[in-house]
Amino acid sequence: NQALEDALAVLDKIAVSIDVDDRTTMLGLVKTCIGTKFTSQFGN
């Protein structure tokens, strides 16, 4: 539990905020998260 608290603190430290209205950034993000999936071969 101590390790979990410290891990979440590290997450807060390295997290980066982004602009939700910037479509290219958002697309890049969603693409990364489904890059591990079967449909990643169909691009965007």
ModelCIF file with pLDDT and N, C-alpha, C, O atoms, coordinates in Angstrom:
data_MODEL
#
_entry.id   MODEL 
#
_entity.id                         1 
_entity.type                       polymer 
_entity.pdbx_number_of_molecules   1 
#
_entity_poly.entity_id                      1 
_entity_poly.type                           'polypeptide(L)' 
_entity_poly.nstd_linkage                   no 
_entity_poly.nstd_monomer                   no 
_entity_poly.pdbx_seq_one_letter_code       NQALEDALAVLDKIAVSIDVDDRTTMLGLVKTCIGTKFTSQFGN 
_entity_poly.pdbx_seq_one_letter_code_can   NQALEDALAVLDKIAVSIDVDDRTTMLGLVKTCIGTKFTSQFGN 
_entity_poly.pdbx_strand_id                 A 
#
loop_
_entity_poly_seq.entity_id 
_entity_poly_seq.num 
_entity_poly_seq.mon_id 
_entity_poly_seq.hetero 
1 1  ASN n 
1 2  GLN n 
1 3  ALA n 
1 4  LEU n 
1 5  GLU n 
1 6  ASP n 
1 7  ALA n 
1 8  LEU n 
1 9  ALA n 
1 10 VAL n 
1 11 LEU n 
1 12 ASP n 
1 13 LYS n 
1 14 ILE n 
1 15 ALA n 
1 16 VAL n 
1 17 SER n 
1 18 ILE n 
1 19 ASP n 
1 20 VAL n 
1 21 ASP n 
1 22 ASP n 
1 23 ARG n 
1 24 THR n 
1 25 THR n 
1 26 MET n 
1 27 LEU n 
1 28 GLY n 
1 29 LEU n 
1 30 VAL n 
1 31 LYS n 
1 32 THR n 
1 33 CYS n 
1 34 ILE n 
1 35 GLY n 
1 36 THR n 
1 37 LYS n 
1 38 PHE n 
1 39 THR n 
1 40 SER n 
1 41 GLN n 
1 42 PHE n 
1 43 GLY n 
1 44 ASN n 
#
_struct_asym.id          A 
_struct_asym.entity_id   1 
#
loop_
_ma_qa_metric.id 
_ma_qa_metric.mode 
_ma_qa_metric.name 
_ma_qa_metric.software_group_id 
_ma_qa_metric.type 
1 global pLDDT . pLDDT 
2 local  pLDDT . pLDDT 
#
_ma_qa_metric_global.metric_id      1 
_ma_qa_metric_global.metric_value   81.50 
_ma_qa_metric_global.model_id       1 
_ma_qa_metric_global.ordinal_id     1 
#
loop_
_ma_qa_metric_local.label_asym_id 
_ma_qa_metric_local.label_comp_id 
_ma_qa_metric_local.label_seq_id 
_ma_qa_metric_local.metric_id 
_ma_qa_metric_local.metric_value 
_ma_qa_metric_local.model_id 
_ma_qa_metric_local.ordinal_id 
A ASN 1  2 94.00 1 1  
A GLN 2  2 94.00 1 2  
A ALA 3  2 94.00 1 3  
A LEU 4  2 95.00 1 4  
A GLU 5  2 95.00 1 5  
A ASP 6  2 94.00 1 6  
A ALA 7  2 94.00 1 7  
A LEU 8  2 94.00 1 8  
A ALA 9  2 93.00 1 9  
A VAL 10 2 91.00 1 10 
A LEU 11 2 91.00 1 11 
A ASP 12 2 91.00 1 12 
A LYS 13 2 89.00 1 13 
A ILE 14 2 89.00 1 14 
A ALA 15 2 89.00 1 15 
A VAL 16 2 87.00 1 16 
A SER 17 2 88.00 1 17 
A ILE 18 2 84.00 1 18 
A ASP 19 2 83.00 1 19 
A VAL 20 2 80.00 1 20 
A ASP 21 2 80.00 1 21 
A ASP 22 2 80.00 1 22 
A ARG 23 2 81.00 1 23 
A THR 24 2 80.00 1 24 
A THR 25 2 78.00 1 25 
A MET 26 2 81.00 1 26 
A LEU 27 2 80.00 1 27 
A GLY 28 2 77.00 1 28 
A LEU 29 2 77.00 1 29 
A VAL 30 2 80.00 1 30 
A LYS 31 2 78.00 1 31 
A THR 32 2 73.00 1 32 
A CYS 33 2 70.00 1 33 
A ILE 34 2 72.00 1 34 
A GLY 35 2 69.00 1 35 
A THR 36 2 67.00 1 36 
A LYS 37 2 72.00 1 37 
A PHE 38 2 68.00 1 38 
A THR 39 2 65.00 1 39 
A SER 40 2 66.00 1 40 
A GLN 41 2 69.00 1 41 
A PHE 42 2 72.00 1 42 
A GLY 43 2 64.00 1 43 
A ASN 44 2 78.00 1 44 
#
loop_
_atom_site.group_PDB 
_atom_site.id 
_atom_site.type_symbol 
_atom_site.label_atom_id 
_atom_site.label_alt_id 
_atom_site.label_comp_id 
_atom_site.label_asym_id 
_atom_site.label_entity_id 
_atom_site.label_seq_id 
_atom_site.pdbx_PDB_ins_code 
_atom_site.Cartn_x 
_atom_site.Cartn_y 
_atom_site.Cartn_z 
_atom_site.occupancy 
_atom_site.B_iso_or_equiv 
_atom_site.pdbx_formal_charge 
_atom_site.auth_seq_id 
_atom_site.auth_comp_id 
_atom_site.auth_asym_id 
_atom_site.auth_atom_id 
_atom_site.pdbx_PDB_model_num 
ATOM 1   N N  . ASN A 1 1  ? 0.828  -1.211 0.000   1.00 94.00 ? 1  ASN A N  1 
ATOM 2   C CA . ASN A 1 1  ? 0.000  0.000  0.000   1.00 94.00 ? 1  ASN A CA 1 
ATOM 3   C C  . ASN A 1 1  ? 0.863  1.261  0.000   1.00 94.00 ? 1  ASN A C  1 
ATOM 4   O O  . ASN A 1 1  ? 0.540  2.261  -0.642  1.00 94.00 ? 1  ASN A O  1 
ATOM 5   N N  . GLN A 1 2  ? 1.970  1.181  0.742   1.00 94.00 ? 2  GLN A N  1 
ATOM 6   C CA . GLN A 1 2  ? 2.908  2.311  0.755   1.00 94.00 ? 2  GLN A CA 1 
ATOM 7   C C  . GLN A 1 2  ? 3.475  2.517  -0.662  1.00 94.00 ? 2  GLN A C  1 
ATOM 8   O O  . GLN A 1 2  ? 3.600  3.643  -1.145  1.00 94.00 ? 2  GLN A O  1 
ATOM 9   N N  . ALA A 1 3  ? 3.815  1.382  -1.311  1.00 94.00 ? 3  ALA A N  1 
ATOM 10  C CA . ALA A 1 3  ? 4.365  1.442  -2.671  1.00 94.00 ? 3  ALA A CA 1 
ATOM 11  C C  . ALA A 1 3  ? 3.334  2.040  -3.631  1.00 94.00 ? 3  ALA A C  1 
ATOM 12  O O  . ALA A 1 3  ? 3.690  2.797  -4.533  1.00 94.00 ? 3  ALA A O  1 
ATOM 13  N N  . LEU A 1 4  ? 2.056  1.699  -3.434  1.00 95.00 ? 4  LEU A N  1 
ATOM 14  C CA . LEU A 1 4  ? 0.995  2.217  -4.311  1.00 95.00 ? 4  LEU A CA 1 
ATOM 15  C C  . LEU A 1 4  ? 0.891  3.735  -4.183  1.00 95.00 ? 4  LEU A C  1 
ATOM 16  O O  . LEU A 1 4  ? 0.790  4.446  -5.182  1.00 95.00 ? 4  LEU A O  1 
ATOM 17  N N  . GLU A 1 5  ? 0.918  4.231  -2.923  1.00 95.00 ? 5  GLU A N  1 
ATOM 18  C CA . GLU A 1 5  ? 0.844  5.690  -2.708  1.00 95.00 ? 5  GLU A CA 1 
ATOM 19  C C  . GLU A 1 5  ? 1.991  6.389  -3.414  1.00 95.00 ? 5  GLU A C  1 
ATOM 20  O O  . GLU A 1 5  ? 1.800  7.393  -4.100  1.00 95.00 ? 5  GLU A O  1 
ATOM 21  N N  . ASP A 1 6  ? 3.200  5.837  -3.233  1.00 94.00 ? 6  ASP A N  1 
ATOM 22  C CA . ASP A 1 6  ? 4.375  6.470  -3.844  1.00 94.00 ? 6  ASP A CA 1 
ATOM 23  C C  . ASP A 1 6  ? 4.309  6.385  -5.377  1.00 94.00 ? 6  ASP A C  1 
ATOM 24  O O  . ASP A 1 6  ? 4.729  7.306  -6.077  1.00 94.00 ? 6  ASP A O  1 
ATOM 25  N N  . ALA A 1 7  ? 3.772  5.257  -5.890  1.00 94.00 ? 7  ALA A N  1 
ATOM 26  C CA . ALA A 1 7  ? 3.679  5.091  -7.348  1.00 94.00 ? 7  ALA A CA 1 
ATOM 27  C C  . ALA A 1 7  ? 2.730  6.135  -7.939  1.00 94.00 ? 7  ALA A C  1 
ATOM 28  O O  . ALA A 1 7  ? 3.004  6.701  -8.997  1.00 94.00 ? 7  ALA A O  1 
ATOM 29  N N  . LEU A 1 8  ? 1.605  6.389  -7.246  1.00 94.00 ? 8  LEU A N  1 
ATOM 30  C CA . LEU A 1 8  ? 0.649  7.381  -7.755  1.00 94.00 ? 8  LEU A CA 1 
ATOM 31  C C  . LEU A 1 8  ? 1.257  8.785  -7.696  1.00 94.00 ? 8  LEU A C  1 
ATOM 32  O O  . LEU A 1 8  ? 0.976  9.630  -8.545  1.00 94.00 ? 8  LEU A O  1 
ATOM 33  N N  . ALA A 1 9  ? 2.094  9.019  -6.681  1.00 93.00 ? 9  ALA A N  1 
ATOM 34  C CA . ALA A 1 9  ? 2.771  10.321 -6.583  1.00 93.00 ? 9  ALA A CA 1 
ATOM 35  C C  . ALA A 1 9  ? 3.716  10.507 -7.775  1.00 93.00 ? 9  ALA A C  1 
ATOM 36  O O  . ALA A 1 9  ? 3.818  11.598 -8.336  1.00 93.00 ? 9  ALA A O  1 
ATOM 37  N N  . VAL A 1 10 ? 4.411  9.413  -8.153  1.00 91.00 ? 10 VAL A N  1 
ATOM 38  C CA . VAL A 1 10 ? 5.319  9.482  -9.311  1.00 91.00 ? 10 VAL A CA 1 
ATOM 39  C C  . VAL A 1 10 ? 4.515  9.771  -10.582 1.00 91.00 ? 10 VAL A C  1 
ATOM 40  O O  . VAL A 1 10 ? 4.934  10.561 -11.428 1.00 91.00 ? 10 VAL A O  1 
ATOM 41  N N  . LEU A 1 11 ? 3.343  9.113  -10.702 1.00 91.00 ? 11 LEU A N  1 
ATOM 42  C CA . LEU A 1 11 ? 2.484  9.338  -11.877 1.00 91.00 ? 11 LEU A CA 1 
ATOM 43  C C  . LEU A 1 11 ? 2.124  10.817 -11.994 1.00 91.00 ? 11 LEU A C  1 
ATOM 44  O O  . LEU A 1 11 ? 2.195  11.406 -13.073 1.00 91.00 ? 11 LEU A O  1 
ATOM 45  N N  . ASP A 1 12 ? 1.736  11.406 -10.856 1.00 91.00 ? 12 ASP A N  1 
ATOM 46  C CA . ASP A 1 12 ? 1.360  12.829 -10.859 1.00 91.00 ? 12 ASP A CA 1 
ATOM 47  C C  . ASP A 1 12 ? 2.515  13.690 -11.342 1.00 91.00 ? 12 ASP A C  1 
ATOM 48  O O  . ASP A 1 12 ? 2.328  14.686 -12.042 1.00 91.00 ? 12 ASP A O  1 
ATOM 49  N N  . LYS A 1 13 ? 3.728  13.273 -10.945 1.00 89.00 ? 13 LYS A N  1 
ATOM 50  C CA . LYS A 1 13 ? 4.904  14.082 -11.258 1.00 89.00 ? 13 LYS A CA 1 
ATOM 51  C C  . LYS A 1 13 ? 5.230  14.057 -12.754 1.00 89.00 ? 13 LYS A C  1 
ATOM 52  O O  . LYS A 1 13 ? 5.620  15.070 -13.335 1.00 89.00 ? 13 LYS A O  1 
ATOM 53  N N  . ILE A 1 14 ? 5.060  12.862 -13.373 1.00 89.00 ? 14 ILE A N  1 
ATOM 54  C CA . ILE A 1 14 ? 5.472  12.773 -14.787 1.00 89.00 ? 14 ILE A CA 1 
ATOM 55  C C  . ILE A 1 14 ? 4.316  13.019 -15.756 1.00 89.00 ? 14 ILE A C  1 
ATOM 56  O O  . ILE A 1 14 ? 4.517  13.032 -16.971 1.00 89.00 ? 14 ILE A O  1 
ATOM 57  N N  . ALA A 1 15 ? 3.092  13.217 -15.218 1.00 89.00 ? 15 ALA A N  1 
ATOM 58  C CA . ALA A 1 15 ? 1.936  13.409 -16.109 1.00 89.00 ? 15 ALA A CA 1 
ATOM 59  C C  . ALA A 1 15 ? 2.030  14.741 -16.845 1.00 89.00 ? 15 ALA A C  1 
ATOM 60  O O  . ALA A 1 15 ? 2.529  15.731 -16.310 1.00 89.00 ? 15 ALA A O  1 
ATOM 61  N N  . VAL A 1 16 ? 1.542  14.744 -18.080 1.00 87.00 ? 16 VAL A N  1 
ATOM 62  C CA . VAL A 1 16 ? 1.574  15.947 -18.914 1.00 87.00 ? 16 VAL A CA 1 
ATOM 63  C C  . VAL A 1 16 ? 0.144  16.293 -19.299 1.00 87.00 ? 16 VAL A C  1 
ATOM 64  O O  . VAL A 1 16 ? -0.626 15.420 -19.698 1.00 87.00 ? 16 VAL A O  1 
ATOM 65  N N  . SER A 1 17 ? -0.212 17.570 -19.179 1.00 88.00 ? 17 SER A N  1 
ATOM 66  C CA . SER A 1 17 ? -1.582 17.962 -19.578 1.00 88.00 ? 17 SER A CA 1 
ATOM 67  C C  . SER A 1 17 ? -1.598 18.273 -21.070 1.00 88.00 ? 17 SER A C  1 
ATOM 68  O O  . SER A 1 17 ? -0.602 18.721 -21.637 1.00 88.00 ? 17 SER A O  1 
ATOM 69  N N  . ILE A 1 18 ? -2.758 18.025 -21.702 1.00 84.00 ? 18 ILE A N  1 
ATOM 70  C CA . ILE A 1 18 ? -2.856 18.329 -23.134 1.00 84.00 ? 18 ILE A CA 1 
ATOM 71  C C  . ILE A 1 18 ? -4.142 19.087 -23.427 1.00 84.00 ? 18 ILE A C  1 
ATOM 72  O O  . ILE A 1 18 ? -5.036 19.200 -22.589 1.00 84.00 ? 18 ILE A O  1 
ATOM 73  N N  . ASP A 1 19 ? -4.199 19.601 -24.650 1.00 83.00 ? 19 ASP A N  1 
ATOM 74  C CA . ASP A 1 19 ? -5.374 20.349 -25.075 1.00 83.00 ? 19 ASP A CA 1 
ATOM 75  C C  . ASP A 1 19 ? -6.331 19.380 -25.785 1.00 83.00 ? 19 ASP A C  1 
ATOM 76  O O  . ASP A 1 19 ? -5.988 18.783 -26.805 1.00 83.00 ? 19 ASP A O  1 
ATOM 77  N N  . VAL A 1 20 ? -7.524 19.242 -25.227 1.00 80.00 ? 20 VAL A N  1 
ATOM 78  C CA . VAL A 1 20 ? -8.492 18.268 -25.762 1.00 80.00 ? 20 VAL A CA 1 
ATOM 79  C C  . VAL A 1 20 ? -8.979 18.656 -27.152 1.00 80.00 ? 20 VAL A C  1 
ATOM 80  O O  . VAL A 1 20 ? -9.380 17.794 -27.934 1.00 80.00 ? 20 VAL A O  1 
ATOM 81  N N  . ASP A 1 21 ? -8.948 19.940 -27.460 1.00 80.00 ? 21 ASP A N  1 
ATOM 82  C CA . ASP A 1 21 ? -9.483 20.390 -28.755 1.00 80.00 ? 21 ASP A CA 1 
ATOM 83  C C  . ASP A 1 21 ? -8.500 20.193 -29.904 1.00 80.00 ? 21 ASP A C  1 
ATOM 84  O O  . ASP A 1 21 ? -8.855 20.370 -31.070 1.00 80.00 ? 21 ASP A O  1 
ATOM 85  N N  . ASP A 1 22 ? -7.255 19.825 -29.571 1.00 80.00 ? 22 ASP A N  1 
ATOM 86  C CA . ASP A 1 22 ? -6.259 19.621 -30.631 1.00 80.00 ? 22 ASP A CA 1 
ATOM 87  C C  . ASP A 1 22 ? -6.435 18.216 -31.212 1.00 80.00 ? 22 ASP A C  1 
ATOM 88  O O  . ASP A 1 22 ? -6.041 17.224 -30.600 1.00 80.00 ? 22 ASP A O  1 
ATOM 89  N N  . ARG A 1 23 ? -7.034 18.152 -32.403 1.00 81.00 ? 23 ARG A N  1 
ATOM 90  C CA . ARG A 1 23 ? -7.436 16.848 -32.940 1.00 81.00 ? 23 ARG A CA 1 
ATOM 91  C C  . ARG A 1 23 ? -6.254 15.924 -33.237 1.00 81.00 ? 23 ARG A C  1 
ATOM 92  O O  . ARG A 1 23 ? -6.334 14.716 -33.016 1.00 81.00 ? 23 ARG A O  1 
ATOM 93  N N  . THR A 1 24 ? -5.150 16.500 -33.742 1.00 80.00 ? 24 THR A N  1 
ATOM 94  C CA . THR A 1 24 ? -4.018 15.630 -34.104 1.00 80.00 ? 24 THR A CA 1 
ATOM 95  C C  . THR A 1 24 ? -3.445 14.933 -32.867 1.00 80.00 ? 24 THR A C  1 
ATOM 96  O O  . THR A 1 24 ? -3.138 13.742 -32.899 1.00 80.00 ? 24 THR A O  1 
ATOM 97  N N  . THR A 1 25 ? -3.307 15.696 -31.775 1.00 78.00 ? 25 THR A N  1 
ATOM 98  C CA . THR A 1 25 ? -2.771 15.091 -30.537 1.00 78.00 ? 25 THR A CA 1 
ATOM 99  C C  . THR A 1 25 ? -3.710 13.991 -30.066 1.00 78.00 ? 25 THR A C  1 
ATOM 100 O O  . THR A 1 25 ? -3.278 12.890 -29.724 1.00 78.00 ? 25 THR A O  1 
ATOM 101 N N  . MET A 1 26 ? -5.014 14.311 -30.054 1.00 81.00 ? 26 MET A N  1 
ATOM 102 C CA . MET A 1 26 ? -5.994 13.333 -29.574 1.00 81.00 ? 26 MET A CA 1 
ATOM 103 C C  . MET A 1 26 ? -5.973 12.063 -30.425 1.00 81.00 ? 26 MET A C  1 
ATOM 104 O O  . MET A 1 26 ? -6.054 10.946 -29.914 1.00 81.00 ? 26 MET A O  1 
ATOM 105 N N  . LEU A 1 27 ? -5.859 12.273 -31.758 1.00 80.00 ? 27 LEU A N  1 
ATOM 106 C CA . LEU A 1 27 ? -5.820 11.112 -32.649 1.00 80.00 ? 27 LEU A CA 1 
ATOM 107 C C  . LEU A 1 27 ? -4.607 10.243 -32.354 1.00 80.00 ? 27 LEU A C  1 
ATOM 108 O O  . LEU A 1 27 ? -4.694 9.016  -32.300 1.00 80.00 ? 27 LEU A O  1 
ATOM 109 N N  . GLY A 1 28 ? -3.462 10.918 -32.163 1.00 77.00 ? 28 GLY A N  1 
ATOM 110 C CA . GLY A 1 28 ? -2.226 10.192 -31.854 1.00 77.00 ? 28 GLY A CA 1 
ATOM 111 C C  . GLY A 1 28 ? -2.394 9.350  -30.612 1.00 77.00 ? 28 GLY A C  1 
ATOM 112 O O  . GLY A 1 28 ? -1.927 8.213  -30.541 1.00 77.00 ? 28 GLY A O  1 
ATOM 113 N N  . LEU A 1 29 ? -3.078 9.934  -29.618 1.00 77.00 ? 29 LEU A N  1 
ATOM 114 C CA . LEU A 1 29 ? -3.277 9.249  -28.345 1.00 77.00 ? 29 LEU A CA 1 
ATOM 115 C C  . LEU A 1 29 ? -4.124 8.012  -28.480 1.00 77.00 ? 29 LEU A C  1 
ATOM 116 O O  . LEU A 1 29 ? -3.773 6.931  -28.009 1.00 77.00 ? 29 LEU A O  1 
ATOM 117 N N  . VAL A 1 30 ? -5.274 8.203  -29.150 1.00 80.00 ? 30 VAL A N  1 
ATOM 118 C CA . VAL A 1 30 ? -6.193 7.070  -29.293 1.00 80.00 ? 30 VAL A CA 1 
ATOM 119 C C  . VAL A 1 30 ? -5.508 5.984  -30.115 1.00 80.00 ? 30 VAL A C  1 
ATOM 120 O O  . VAL A 1 30 ? -5.687 4.791  -29.870 1.00 80.00 ? 30 VAL A O  1 
ATOM 121 N N  . LYS A 1 31 ? -4.709 6.429  -31.110 1.00 78.00 ? 31 LYS A N  1 
ATOM 122 C CA . LYS A 1 31 ? -4.008 5.450  -31.956 1.00 78.00 ? 31 LYS A CA 1 
ATOM 123 C C  . LYS A 1 31 ? -3.033 4.606  -31.146 1.00 78.00 ? 31 LYS A C  1 
ATOM 124 O O  . LYS A 1 31 ? -2.915 3.399  -31.357 1.00 78.00 ? 31 LYS A O  1 
ATOM 125 N N  . THR A 1 32 ? -2.328 5.262  -30.205 1.00 73.00 ? 32 THR A N  1 
ATOM 126 C CA . THR A 1 32 ? -1.365 4.509  -29.385 1.00 73.00 ? 32 THR A CA 1 
ATOM 127 C C  . THR A 1 32 ? -2.090 3.442  -28.594 1.00 73.00 ? 32 THR A C  1 
ATOM 128 O O  . THR A 1 32 ? -1.636 2.303  -28.490 1.00 73.00 ? 32 THR A O  1 
ATOM 129 N N  . CYS A 1 33 ? -3.235 3.836  -28.033 1.00 70.00 ? 33 CYS A N  1 
ATOM 130 C CA . CYS A 1 33 ? -3.917 2.907  -27.145 1.00 70.00 ? 33 CYS A CA 1 
ATOM 131 C C  . CYS A 1 33 ? -4.500 1.731  -27.907 1.00 70.00 ? 33 CYS A C  1 
ATOM 132 O O  . CYS A 1 33 ? -4.651 0.646  -27.347 1.00 70.00 ? 33 CYS A O  1 
ATOM 133 N N  . ILE A 1 34 ? -4.835 1.934  -29.198 1.00 72.00 ? 34 ILE A N  1 
ATOM 134 C CA . ILE A 1 34 ? -5.341 0.773  -29.940 1.00 72.00 ? 34 ILE A CA 1 
ATOM 135 C C  . ILE A 1 34 ? -4.274 0.227  -30.870 1.00 72.00 ? 34 ILE A C  1 
ATOM 136 O O  . ILE A 1 34 ? -4.548 -0.637 -31.703 1.00 72.00 ? 34 ILE A O  1 
ATOM 137 N N  . GLY A 1 35 ? -3.042 0.738  -30.727 1.00 69.00 ? 35 GLY A N  1 
ATOM 138 C CA . GLY A 1 35 ? -1.938 0.227  -31.540 1.00 69.00 ? 35 GLY A CA 1 
ATOM 139 C C  . GLY A 1 35 ? -1.672 -1.226 -31.210 1.00 69.00 ? 35 GLY A C  1 
ATOM 140 O O  . GLY A 1 35 ? -1.096 -1.953 -32.020 1.00 69.00 ? 35 GLY A O  1 
ATOM 141 N N  . THR A 1 36 ? -2.092 -1.665 -30.010 1.00 67.00 ? 36 THR A N  1 
ATOM 142 C CA . THR A 1 36 ? -1.842 -3.051 -29.601 1.00 67.00 ? 36 THR A CA 1 
ATOM 143 C C  . THR A 1 36 ? -2.927 -3.968 -30.127 1.00 67.00 ? 36 THR A C  1 
ATOM 144 O O  . THR A 1 36 ? -2.857 -5.184 -29.945 1.00 67.00 ? 36 THR A O  1 
ATOM 145 N N  . LYS A 1 37 ? -3.933 -3.394 -30.781 1.00 72.00 ? 37 LYS A N  1 
ATOM 146 C CA . LYS A 1 37 ? -5.093 -4.204 -31.167 1.00 72.00 ? 37 LYS A CA 1 
ATOM 147 C C  . LYS A 1 37 ? -4.977 -4.676 -32.618 1.00 72.00 ? 37 LYS A C  1 
ATOM 148 O O  . LYS A 1 37 ? -4.121 -4.237 -33.387 1.00 72.00 ? 37 LYS A O  1 
ATOM 149 N N  . PHE A 1 38 ? -5.869 -5.578 -32.940 1.00 68.00 ? 38 PHE A N  1 
ATOM 150 C CA . PHE A 1 38 ? -5.893 -6.181 -34.270 1.00 68.00 ? 38 PHE A CA 1 
ATOM 151 C C  . PHE A 1 38 ? -6.139 -5.137 -35.359 1.00 68.00 ? 38 PHE A C  1 
ATOM 152 O O  . PHE A 1 38 ? -5.579 -5.244 -36.450 1.00 68.00 ? 38 PHE A O  1 
ATOM 153 N N  . THR A 1 39 ? -6.973 -4.123 -35.074 1.00 65.00 ? 39 THR A N  1 
ATOM 154 C CA . THR A 1 39 ? -7.364 -3.183 -36.127 1.00 65.00 ? 39 THR A CA 1 
ATOM 155 C C  . THR A 1 39 ? -6.302 -2.123 -36.388 1.00 65.00 ? 39 THR A C  1 
ATOM 156 O O  . THR A 1 39 ? -6.499 -1.254 -37.237 1.00 65.00 ? 39 THR A O  1 
ATOM 157 N N  . SER A 1 40 ? -5.175 -2.176 -35.672 1.00 66.00 ? 40 SER A N  1 
ATOM 158 C CA . SER A 1 40 ? -4.150 -1.145 -35.885 1.00 66.00 ? 40 SER A CA 1 
ATOM 159 C C  . SER A 1 40 ? -3.653 -1.171 -37.330 1.00 66.00 ? 40 SER A C  1 
ATOM 160 O O  . SER A 1 40 ? -3.092 -0.189 -37.816 1.00 66.00 ? 40 SER A O  1 
ATOM 161 N N  . GLN A 1 41 ? -3.864 -2.314 -38.025 1.00 69.00 ? 41 GLN A N  1 
ATOM 162 C CA . GLN A 1 41 ? -3.388 -2.407 -39.417 1.00 69.00 ? 41 GLN A CA 1 
ATOM 163 C C  . GLN A 1 41 ? -4.211 -1.528 -40.357 1.00 69.00 ? 41 GLN A C  1 
ATOM 164 O O  . GLN A 1 41 ? -3.815 -1.301 -41.500 1.00 69.00 ? 41 GLN A O  1 
ATOM 165 N N  . PHE A 1 42 ? -5.356 -1.034 -39.879 1.00 72.00 ? 42 PHE A N  1 
ATOM 166 C CA . PHE A 1 42 ? -6.178 -0.189 -40.747 1.00 72.00 ? 42 PHE A CA 1 
ATOM 167 C C  . PHE A 1 42 ? -5.907 1.290  -40.513 1.00 72.00 ? 42 PHE A C  1 
ATOM 168 O O  . PHE A 1 42 ? -6.730 2.143  -40.847 1.00 72.00 ? 42 PHE A O  1 
ATOM 169 N N  . GLY A 1 43 ? -4.751 1.584  -39.939 1.00 64.00 ? 43 GLY A N  1 
ATOM 170 C CA . GLY A 1 43 ? -4.341 2.989  -39.772 1.00 64.00 ? 43 GLY A CA 1 
ATOM 171 C C  . GLY A 1 43 ? -5.264 3.767  -38.859 1.00 64.00 ? 43 GLY A C  1 
ATOM 172 O O  . GLY A 1 43 ? -5.644 3.301  -37.785 1.00 64.00 ? 43 GLY A O  1 
ATOM 173 N N  . ASN A 1 44 ? -5.619 4.970  -39.309 1.00 78.00 ? 44 ASN A N  1 
ATOM 174 C CA . ASN A 1 44 ? -6.348 5.892  -38.436 1.00 78.00 ? 44 ASN A CA 1 
ATOM 175 C C  . ASN A 1 44 ? -7.836 5.631  -38.345 1.00 78.00 ? 44 ASN A C  1 
ATOM 176 O O  . ASN A 1 44 ? -8.547 6.346  -37.639 1.00 78.00 ? 44 ASN A O  1 
#
